[in-house]
Structure formats: structure tokens, C-alpha cells
Amino acid sequence: MKDVIIVGGGLKGMLTALFLHDAGLNIMLVDQNELGRESSWAGGGLITPLYPWQASPVVSALVKDSQKHYPALCERLYQETNIDPQWLNSGLLITDTSQHQAAQEWAKIWDYPLQILEGASLTQCEPQLNPQFGQALYFPQTAQVRSPRLNAAVRAALRMRPILVSQHQAVRQLHSVNGQIGGIYLGNDLFKAHKVILTAGAWTSAFAEVQASPLQLRPQLAESIMFRTSKRSLQRMIVHQQYYLIPRKDGRIVCGSVFSSQGLEKTLSEQAQQELRRVACELMPELAALPIHNHWSSLLSFSENDEPFMGEHPTIRGLYINAGHGSNGVATGLGSVRALMAQVLA
């Protein structure tokens, strides 16, 4: 009998397993594929919504908490595993200045420095940005992590602990009796637990217990491309019309966005690749001379109100859900895990 079984081995599932184990609980972690290889691996790693002032107070609070605790988490993981998650305070430039007043009001409420840059000050901040963009909003304290490395570090930390991990086998169904969760079924085998946490991203909606709850989730497909440069030329993260451009420490540059989806199926679109390349080259003309080094996709889970749900199932005691983070999985992820952990341990 486990204290907690966690279904979903993405970033949030792995962090939940790590934190709850370190709090003294007996944990099992289950994923239908390999730990940390779905949307958690594929994400851009921005620790912010693309347009932070458009986020709800719930999302803003979670992001604030994530931003506060990511540096210490990344340093701890680096010391434990020798894998650097590459937390980097890049700063964020947003090309759309039409909502400057709303952005400024939000920044004041949530205590973020915000500047509006133009002309020489903008060029000095980011020399690689196309000069056709004459103005931009600048959040100098917005940071990023490198998602594949963060996931690899958490995965390595889990391997150092006596946590039962099951990979490459989907949970067939949940086990509950009289409104109380009792465990999960892997194949025909029942694994019992006092509590179960569903944090399986887009696949969370496949469980009948979630479908029968007020939580409504819809999958969306995100696609990204990557350029490889010989040096770190781009300095700032850039957001432009729901697209993002992110520089890595080794010179790689990622461009991504969210596209429509037709269910729980990952696809790669040539049209999306061309659109991502067009936007990337529009923002940074130097990229036009470079080939696309990689192209990948992932499925994200959006809630009806674009706020993640973190809490106990409304009718099944002991069943907890952490889902619906949309494109903010990294930005709200750490904060949501900390919030849910407090409920589970209460």
C-alpha cells in the first residue's frame, strides 16, 4: 500500500513525486511512456505567460511562486545530479506595445519592473531584433529554464531515491470504493494507495472520473523549431503575436507557438514549420541563412477558463488533479506542485 500514486510522469508529476518522497511519504510514479518526454520535454521553458497581464490572478500568483522558487530548485538539482537545468534570467521583450497601459498596471500590482524601449535603447537591449520593430515592452527580470535539461535533472534525482516507478504502461482505470480512491490498475494488477494524483497533461481528460467532473479539458497542439548557431547571438526572449523566440546558453534558438488540435494525436505540420520559420526570421533576420535543425510537437491541456485545476476531485475523496495548465506548464508548474502538495499533506 502506497501513501500516494502519481499518474503522469511529466515535470509536475516528477516534482510531486520528489517533493512528497522528501516529505516522508511512500510514493509510486506511473507514466504510459518515458518520464519527462512529452510536453514537459518539448516546452519552451519560459517562466511567464506570453502576455502576462492577460493572465488571471490565479495564474499570476502561481507564476510568481514558480519564479521565486525555480532558482533554488535548479541549483539543488545541479548539485545533486550534476545536470544543469540552465535557469537563465534572459529578460523578455514583447513586440506588441498597444496594451502598454494594461501591462503597466499589471506590473505595478504584481511588483515587476517594466520598461518601454524604442530606438537606440531597444537596439542596445537586443541588437539582433529586426529594426522594423521600433518599440517593445521589456520585462528585465523574466527568466527561463531549458526544459529537456530540467526534466533530465529531476528524473536523475528520482533515480537516487527509493521511489517505485512504472514506465511504458498506461493506467487502465482507477480503483475507488464508496467515493474513496483506493488505487490504480496497471493491466489487471491493482496497486493500492491512500491517495492518487492525476497529472497526466492532455491525457488527464481520458479518465472517466475527470470526464464526469466539472473540470473540462481540451487538448491543443504546440509545435516548435530550433536553429543552431555557433555562438549565443540572441540575448533576450521575444514574444510576438503568440509566437516566442528563446535563446539558449549554447547558442541554440527555439521558436514555437500553439496550433489547433484534433484530439490526442501528435502531428508535425509543414505549414506550421514554415510559419514558425517566417516569424523567427522576421524577428531575427540573421536566422534566414540557417537551416532548421529540429522540429517537434507536443500536446497541451487547456481548461475552459484557462486556469489550471489543483485540488481534490469533487466527489471522490483522496483523488487529486493537477491539470489544465495550457501553454504555461513550466511557468505555473512549480507553483502548482507546491500548492497541491500542501493540500495532500494537510
Protein backbone atom coordinates (compact mmCIF):
# COMPACT_ATOMS: atom_id res chain seq x y z
CA MET A 1 0.00 0.00 0.00
CA LYS A 2 1.45 3.32 -1.12
CA ASP A 3 0.75 6.65 0.50
CA VAL A 4 0.39 8.31 -2.91
CA ILE A 5 0.38 7.08 -6.51
CA ILE A 6 1.05 9.78 -9.10
CA VAL A 7 -0.28 9.16 -12.62
CA GLY A 8 1.72 11.17 -15.14
CA GLY A 9 5.48 11.47 -15.21
CA GLY A 10 5.93 14.89 -16.76
CA LEU A 11 7.60 17.76 -14.95
CA LYS A 12 4.73 18.26 -12.50
CA GLY A 13 4.37 14.54 -11.79
CA MET A 14 8.09 14.08 -11.23
CA LEU A 15 8.37 17.15 -8.99
CA THR A 16 5.35 15.97 -7.00
CA ALA A 17 6.97 12.56 -6.51
CA LEU A 18 10.27 14.17 -5.49
CA PHE A 19 8.74 16.60 -3.00
CA LEU A 20 6.32 14.12 -1.43
CA HIS A 21 9.03 11.48 -1.04
CA ASP A 22 11.32 14.01 0.60
CA ALA A 23 8.41 14.86 2.93
CA GLY A 24 8.46 11.24 4.12
CA LEU A 25 5.72 9.60 2.03
CA ASN A 26 5.85 6.24 0.24
CA ILE A 27 5.40 7.13 -3.46
CA MET A 28 4.72 5.38 -6.77
CA LEU A 29 5.04 7.23 -10.09
CA VAL A 30 3.43 5.91 -13.28
CA ASP A 31 3.73 7.05 -16.90
CA GLN A 32 2.46 5.47 -20.09
CA ASN A 33 5.69 6.47 -21.86
CA GLU A 34 9.08 7.58 -20.56
CA LEU A 35 9.37 10.04 -17.69
CA GLY A 36 9.61 13.66 -18.78
CA ARG A 37 9.41 13.02 -22.52
CA GLU A 38 6.10 14.57 -23.57
CA SER A 39 5.07 18.25 -23.32
CA SER A 40 7.39 18.81 -20.35
CA TRP A 41 10.39 17.99 -22.55
CA ALA A 42 9.05 19.93 -25.54
CA GLY A 43 8.19 23.21 -23.80
CA GLY A 44 9.99 26.45 -24.41
CA GLY A 45 10.75 26.92 -20.73
CA LEU A 46 9.51 30.48 -20.30
CA ILE A 47 8.70 31.16 -16.66
CA THR A 48 5.93 33.53 -17.70
CA PRO A 49 2.75 33.58 -19.79
CA LEU A 50 3.40 35.05 -23.23
CA TYR A 51 1.33 38.12 -22.33
CA PRO A 52 1.48 38.12 -18.51
CA TRP A 53 -1.02 40.93 -17.99
CA GLN A 54 -3.68 38.88 -19.78
CA ALA A 55 -3.37 36.05 -17.24
CA SER A 56 -5.87 35.61 -14.42
CA PRO A 57 -4.87 36.38 -10.82
CA VAL A 58 -4.72 32.63 -10.15
CA VAL A 59 -2.18 32.12 -12.94
CA SER A 60 -0.23 35.24 -11.97
CA ALA A 61 0.07 34.01 -8.38
CA LEU A 62 1.26 30.56 -9.46
CA VAL A 63 3.82 32.06 -11.84
CA LYS A 64 5.06 34.40 -9.12
CA ASP A 65 5.59 31.44 -6.81
CA SER A 66 7.34 29.45 -9.56
CA GLN A 67 9.63 32.35 -10.38
CA LYS A 68 10.56 32.70 -6.72
CA HIS A 69 11.50 29.05 -6.21
CA TYR A 70 12.96 27.91 -9.57
CA PRO A 71 16.48 29.30 -8.95
CA ALA A 72 16.92 27.33 -5.71
CA LEU A 73 15.35 24.20 -7.23
CA CYS A 74 17.65 24.34 -10.26
CA GLU A 75 20.71 24.87 -8.09
CA ARG A 76 19.69 21.98 -5.82
CA LEU A 77 19.17 19.67 -8.80
CA TYR A 78 22.52 20.71 -10.27
CA GLN A 79 24.30 19.94 -7.00
CA GLU A 80 22.54 16.56 -6.65
CA THR A 81 22.75 15.31 -10.23
CA ASN A 82 25.44 17.39 -11.97
CA ILE A 83 22.82 18.23 -14.64
CA ASP A 84 22.37 21.98 -15.07
CA PRO A 85 18.72 22.92 -15.82
CA GLN A 86 20.11 26.23 -17.14
CA TRP A 87 17.93 28.68 -15.29
CA LEU A 88 18.70 31.95 -17.07
CA ASN A 89 17.43 35.47 -16.43
CA SER A 90 17.17 36.39 -20.12
CA GLY A 91 14.61 39.15 -19.83
CA LEU A 92 11.54 39.26 -22.07
CA LEU A 93 10.76 41.60 -24.95
CA ILE A 94 7.15 41.82 -26.22
CA THR A 95 6.72 43.49 -29.60
CA ASP A 96 3.06 44.49 -29.09
CA THR A 97 3.05 47.81 -27.21
CA SER A 98 -0.63 48.60 -27.86
CA GLN A 99 -1.58 47.34 -24.38
CA HIS A 100 1.16 49.23 -22.60
CA GLN A 101 -1.21 50.74 -20.04
CA ALA A 102 -2.72 47.38 -19.10
CA ALA A 103 0.75 45.85 -18.90
CA GLN A 104 1.99 48.70 -16.72
CA GLU A 105 -0.95 48.39 -14.33
CA TRP A 106 -0.43 44.63 -14.05
CA ALA A 107 3.32 45.06 -13.45
CA LYS A 108 2.64 47.54 -10.65
CA ILE A 109 0.14 45.21 -8.94
CA TRP A 110 2.46 42.20 -9.13
CA ASP A 111 5.68 44.13 -8.49
CA TYR A 112 7.51 43.51 -11.78
CA PRO A 113 9.81 46.10 -13.36
CA LEU A 114 8.62 47.04 -16.86
CA GLN A 115 10.14 49.37 -19.43
CA ILE A 116 9.01 50.51 -22.85
CA LEU A 117 12.03 50.60 -25.14
CA GLU A 118 12.41 52.26 -28.51
CA GLY A 119 15.11 53.30 -30.93
CA ALA A 120 18.66 53.08 -29.60
CA SER A 121 17.60 51.75 -26.19
CA LEU A 122 15.81 48.83 -27.85
CA THR A 123 18.77 48.10 -30.15
CA GLN A 124 21.13 48.19 -27.18
CA CYS A 125 18.89 45.77 -25.25
CA GLU A 126 18.65 43.32 -28.18
CA PRO A 127 20.86 44.06 -31.20
CA GLN A 128 19.53 41.03 -33.10
CA LEU A 129 15.90 42.22 -33.12
CA ASN A 130 14.76 43.38 -36.57
CA PRO A 131 14.92 47.22 -36.65
CA GLN A 132 11.42 47.30 -38.14
CA PHE A 133 10.20 46.79 -34.58
CA GLY A 134 10.54 50.30 -33.28
CA GLN A 135 9.14 49.68 -29.81
CA ALA A 136 8.86 46.81 -27.34
CA LEU A 137 7.82 46.16 -23.76
CA TYR A 138 10.71 44.85 -21.68
CA PHE A 139 10.42 42.73 -18.54
CA PRO A 140 14.06 42.54 -17.37
CA GLN A 141 13.51 40.01 -14.59
CA THR A 142 11.77 37.29 -16.64
CA ALA A 143 13.73 34.04 -16.67
CA GLN A 144 13.71 30.70 -18.45
CA VAL A 145 14.79 27.12 -17.89
CA ARG A 146 15.87 24.64 -20.53
CA SER A 147 13.05 22.12 -20.38
CA PRO A 148 14.88 18.95 -21.53
CA ARG A 149 17.67 19.57 -19.03
CA LEU A 150 15.27 20.40 -16.20
CA ASN A 151 13.37 17.17 -16.82
CA ALA A 152 16.59 15.17 -17.05
CA ALA A 153 17.77 16.61 -13.73
CA VAL A 154 14.50 15.81 -11.92
CA ARG A 155 14.48 12.32 -13.44
CA ALA A 156 18.05 11.74 -12.21
CA ALA A 157 17.11 12.97 -8.73
CA LEU A 158 14.22 10.50 -8.63
CA ARG A 159 16.55 7.62 -9.52
CA MET A 160 18.60 8.43 -6.42
CA ARG A 161 15.57 7.74 -4.22
CA PRO A 162 13.67 4.50 -3.47
CA ILE A 163 10.60 5.56 -5.45
CA LEU A 164 8.70 2.86 -7.35
CA VAL A 165 8.50 3.98 -11.00
CA SER A 166 6.45 2.31 -13.74
CA GLN A 167 7.02 3.39 -17.35
CA HIS A 168 5.63 2.33 -20.73
CA GLN A 169 2.35 1.00 -19.33
CA ALA A 170 -0.85 3.04 -19.23
CA VAL A 171 -3.15 3.09 -16.23
CA ARG A 172 -6.18 1.09 -17.34
CA GLN A 173 -8.54 2.58 -14.77
CA LEU A 174 -8.73 3.98 -11.27
CA HIS A 175 -9.96 2.00 -8.29
CA SER A 176 -12.41 3.61 -5.90
CA VAL A 177 -14.93 2.30 -3.38
CA ASN A 178 -17.85 4.28 -1.94
CA GLY A 179 -16.47 7.60 -3.09
CA GLN A 180 -12.95 6.94 -1.75
CA ILE A 181 -9.95 6.36 -4.02
CA GLY A 182 -8.19 3.08 -3.46
CA GLY A 183 -5.54 2.83 -6.16
CA ILE A 184 -4.97 2.20 -9.86
CA TYR A 185 -5.00 -0.70 -12.30
CA LEU A 186 -1.94 -1.41 -14.45
CA GLY A 187 -3.20 -4.12 -16.75
CA ASN A 188 -5.09 -6.45 -14.44
CA ASP A 189 -2.94 -5.65 -11.43
CA LEU A 190 -4.30 -3.43 -8.67
CA PHE A 191 -1.83 -1.12 -6.94
CA LYS A 192 -3.35 0.26 -3.77
CA ALA A 193 -2.83 3.73 -2.35
CA HIS A 194 -4.38 6.07 0.17
CA LYS A 195 -4.28 8.91 -2.36
CA VAL A 196 -3.91 9.23 -6.15
CA ILE A 197 -2.82 12.30 -8.09
CA LEU A 198 -3.69 12.67 -11.78
CA THR A 199 -1.26 14.97 -13.56
CA ALA A 200 -1.05 13.43 -17.00
CA GLY A 201 -1.31 16.59 -19.09
CA ALA A 202 -3.58 16.23 -22.11
CA TRP A 203 -4.22 12.57 -21.21
CA THR A 204 -5.79 13.52 -17.86
CA SER A 205 -9.07 14.05 -19.69
CA ALA A 206 -9.13 10.38 -20.78
CA PHE A 207 -10.11 9.21 -17.27
CA ALA A 208 -13.83 8.68 -16.72
CA GLU A 209 -13.60 10.30 -13.29
CA VAL A 210 -12.34 13.52 -14.88
CA GLN A 211 -14.91 13.41 -17.68
CA ALA A 212 -17.66 13.15 -15.05
CA SER A 213 -16.34 16.15 -13.10
CA PRO A 214 -16.88 19.86 -13.75
CA LEU A 215 -13.28 20.10 -14.98
CA GLN A 216 -13.37 20.32 -18.76
CA LEU A 217 -10.07 19.98 -20.61
CA ARG A 218 -9.28 20.44 -24.29
CA PRO A 219 -6.04 19.36 -25.99
CA GLN A 220 -4.09 21.76 -28.18
CA LEU A 221 -1.05 21.03 -30.32
CA ALA A 222 2.12 23.06 -29.85
CA GLU A 223 4.90 23.00 -32.44
CA SER A 224 8.45 24.27 -32.22
CA ILE A 225 11.53 24.57 -34.40
CA MET A 226 15.14 25.06 -33.44
CA PHE A 227 18.09 26.80 -35.08
CA ARG A 228 21.68 26.08 -34.10
CA THR A 229 24.14 28.98 -34.09
CA SER A 230 27.87 28.87 -33.36
CA LYS A 231 27.63 31.48 -30.63
CA ARG A 232 24.99 32.96 -28.36
CA SER A 233 23.87 35.88 -30.52
CA LEU A 234 20.28 36.44 -29.33
CA GLN A 235 20.21 37.63 -25.72
CA ARG A 236 16.52 38.18 -24.86
CA MET A 237 13.40 36.08 -25.10
CA ILE A 238 10.98 37.65 -27.58
CA VAL A 239 7.20 37.29 -27.81
CA HIS A 240 5.42 38.34 -31.00
CA GLN A 241 1.75 37.61 -31.80
CA GLN A 242 1.53 34.40 -29.73
CA TYR A 243 4.92 33.18 -31.02
CA TYR A 244 8.07 33.06 -28.92
CA LEU A 245 11.78 33.12 -29.71
CA ILE A 246 14.07 31.81 -26.96
CA PRO A 247 17.88 31.85 -26.83
CA ARG A 248 19.76 29.04 -25.08
CA LYS A 249 23.15 29.29 -23.40
CA ASP A 250 24.85 27.27 -26.16
CA GLY A 251 23.54 29.46 -29.00
CA ARG A 252 20.52 27.39 -29.98
CA ILE A 253 17.33 29.36 -30.65
CA VAL A 254 13.82 27.94 -30.28
CA CYS A 255 10.70 29.32 -31.96
CA GLY A 256 7.30 27.94 -31.03
CA SER A 257 3.57 28.53 -30.75
CA VAL A 258 0.27 26.74 -30.09
CA PHE A 259 -1.80 25.49 -33.01
CA SER A 260 -5.16 23.71 -33.23
CA SER A 261 -5.54 20.04 -32.40
CA GLN A 262 -7.76 17.16 -33.42
CA GLY A 263 -7.68 15.10 -30.25
CA LEU A 264 -4.86 13.24 -28.52
CA GLU A 265 -2.62 12.85 -31.53
CA LYS A 266 0.76 14.49 -32.05
CA THR A 267 1.50 15.56 -35.60
CA LEU A 268 4.05 17.68 -37.43
CA SER A 269 2.79 20.19 -39.97
CA GLU A 270 4.89 21.52 -42.82
CA GLN A 271 2.68 24.60 -42.81
CA ALA A 272 3.39 25.19 -39.12
CA GLN A 273 7.11 24.76 -39.70
CA GLN A 274 7.07 27.34 -42.48
CA GLU A 275 5.04 29.76 -40.36
CA LEU A 276 7.42 29.36 -37.41
CA ARG A 277 10.40 29.94 -39.67
CA ARG A 278 8.78 33.03 -41.17
CA VAL A 279 8.15 34.55 -37.75
CA ALA A 280 11.62 33.65 -36.46
CA CYS A 281 13.31 35.26 -39.46
CA GLU A 282 11.05 38.31 -39.23
CA LEU A 283 12.14 38.82 -35.64
CA MET A 284 15.79 37.94 -36.19
CA PRO A 285 16.84 38.31 -39.87
CA GLU A 286 20.16 36.56 -39.23
CA LEU A 287 18.25 33.26 -38.95
CA ALA A 288 17.28 33.38 -42.64
CA ALA A 289 20.72 31.98 -43.55
CA LEU A 290 20.38 29.00 -41.21
CA PRO A 291 18.60 25.67 -41.73
CA ILE A 292 16.05 24.36 -39.27
CA HIS A 293 17.92 21.94 -37.06
CA ASN A 294 14.90 20.28 -35.44
CA HIS A 295 11.08 20.37 -35.50
CA TRP A 296 8.85 18.81 -32.83
CA SER A 297 5.34 18.92 -31.40
CA SER A 298 3.56 18.26 -28.11
CA LEU A 299 0.03 18.15 -26.75
CA LEU A 300 -1.04 20.70 -24.14
CA SER A 301 -4.09 20.61 -21.89
CA PHE A 302 -6.22 23.77 -21.60
CA SER A 303 -9.08 24.29 -19.18
CA GLU A 304 -12.30 26.12 -20.03
CA ASN A 305 -11.28 29.23 -18.10
CA ASP A 306 -7.54 28.92 -18.92
CA GLU A 307 -6.74 28.36 -15.24
CA PRO A 308 -5.15 25.13 -14.01
CA PHE A 309 -7.09 22.98 -11.57
CA MET A 310 -5.18 21.83 -8.50
CA GLY A 311 -7.22 20.08 -5.87
CA GLU A 312 -9.30 17.15 -4.76
CA HIS A 313 -11.92 15.61 -7.04
CA PRO A 314 -15.37 16.97 -6.12
CA THR A 315 -16.89 13.55 -5.42
CA ILE A 316 -14.00 11.10 -4.91
CA ARG A 317 -12.07 11.54 -1.70
CA GLY A 318 -8.34 11.13 -1.97
CA LEU A 319 -8.25 11.68 -5.74
CA TYR A 320 -6.35 14.85 -6.66
CA ILE A 321 -5.93 16.51 -10.04
CA ASN A 322 -3.30 18.92 -11.32
CA ALA A 323 -4.14 19.74 -14.93
CA GLY A 324 -5.21 22.42 -17.41
CA HIS A 325 -2.02 24.49 -17.48
CA GLY A 326 -2.18 25.13 -21.22
CA SER A 327 0.98 26.72 -22.58
CA ASN A 328 2.08 27.74 -19.06
CA GLY A 329 3.18 24.29 -17.91
CA VAL A 330 6.66 25.38 -16.84
CA ALA A 331 5.57 28.84 -15.70
CA THR A 332 2.83 27.59 -13.36
CA GLY A 333 4.20 24.08 -12.86
CA LEU A 334 6.40 24.52 -9.81
CA GLY A 335 3.89 26.78 -8.09
CA SER A 336 1.05 24.34 -8.75
CA VAL A 337 3.03 21.39 -7.39
CA ARG A 338 3.80 23.32 -4.21
CA ALA A 339 0.14 24.30 -3.83
CA LEU A 340 -1.15 20.76 -4.39
CA MET A 341 1.46 19.26 -2.11
CA ALA A 342 0.20 21.45 0.73
CA GLN A 343 -3.30 20.02 0.21
CA VAL A 344 -2.12 16.42 0.05
CA LEU A 345 -0.04 16.76 3.21
CA ALA A 346 -2.75 18.62 5.15
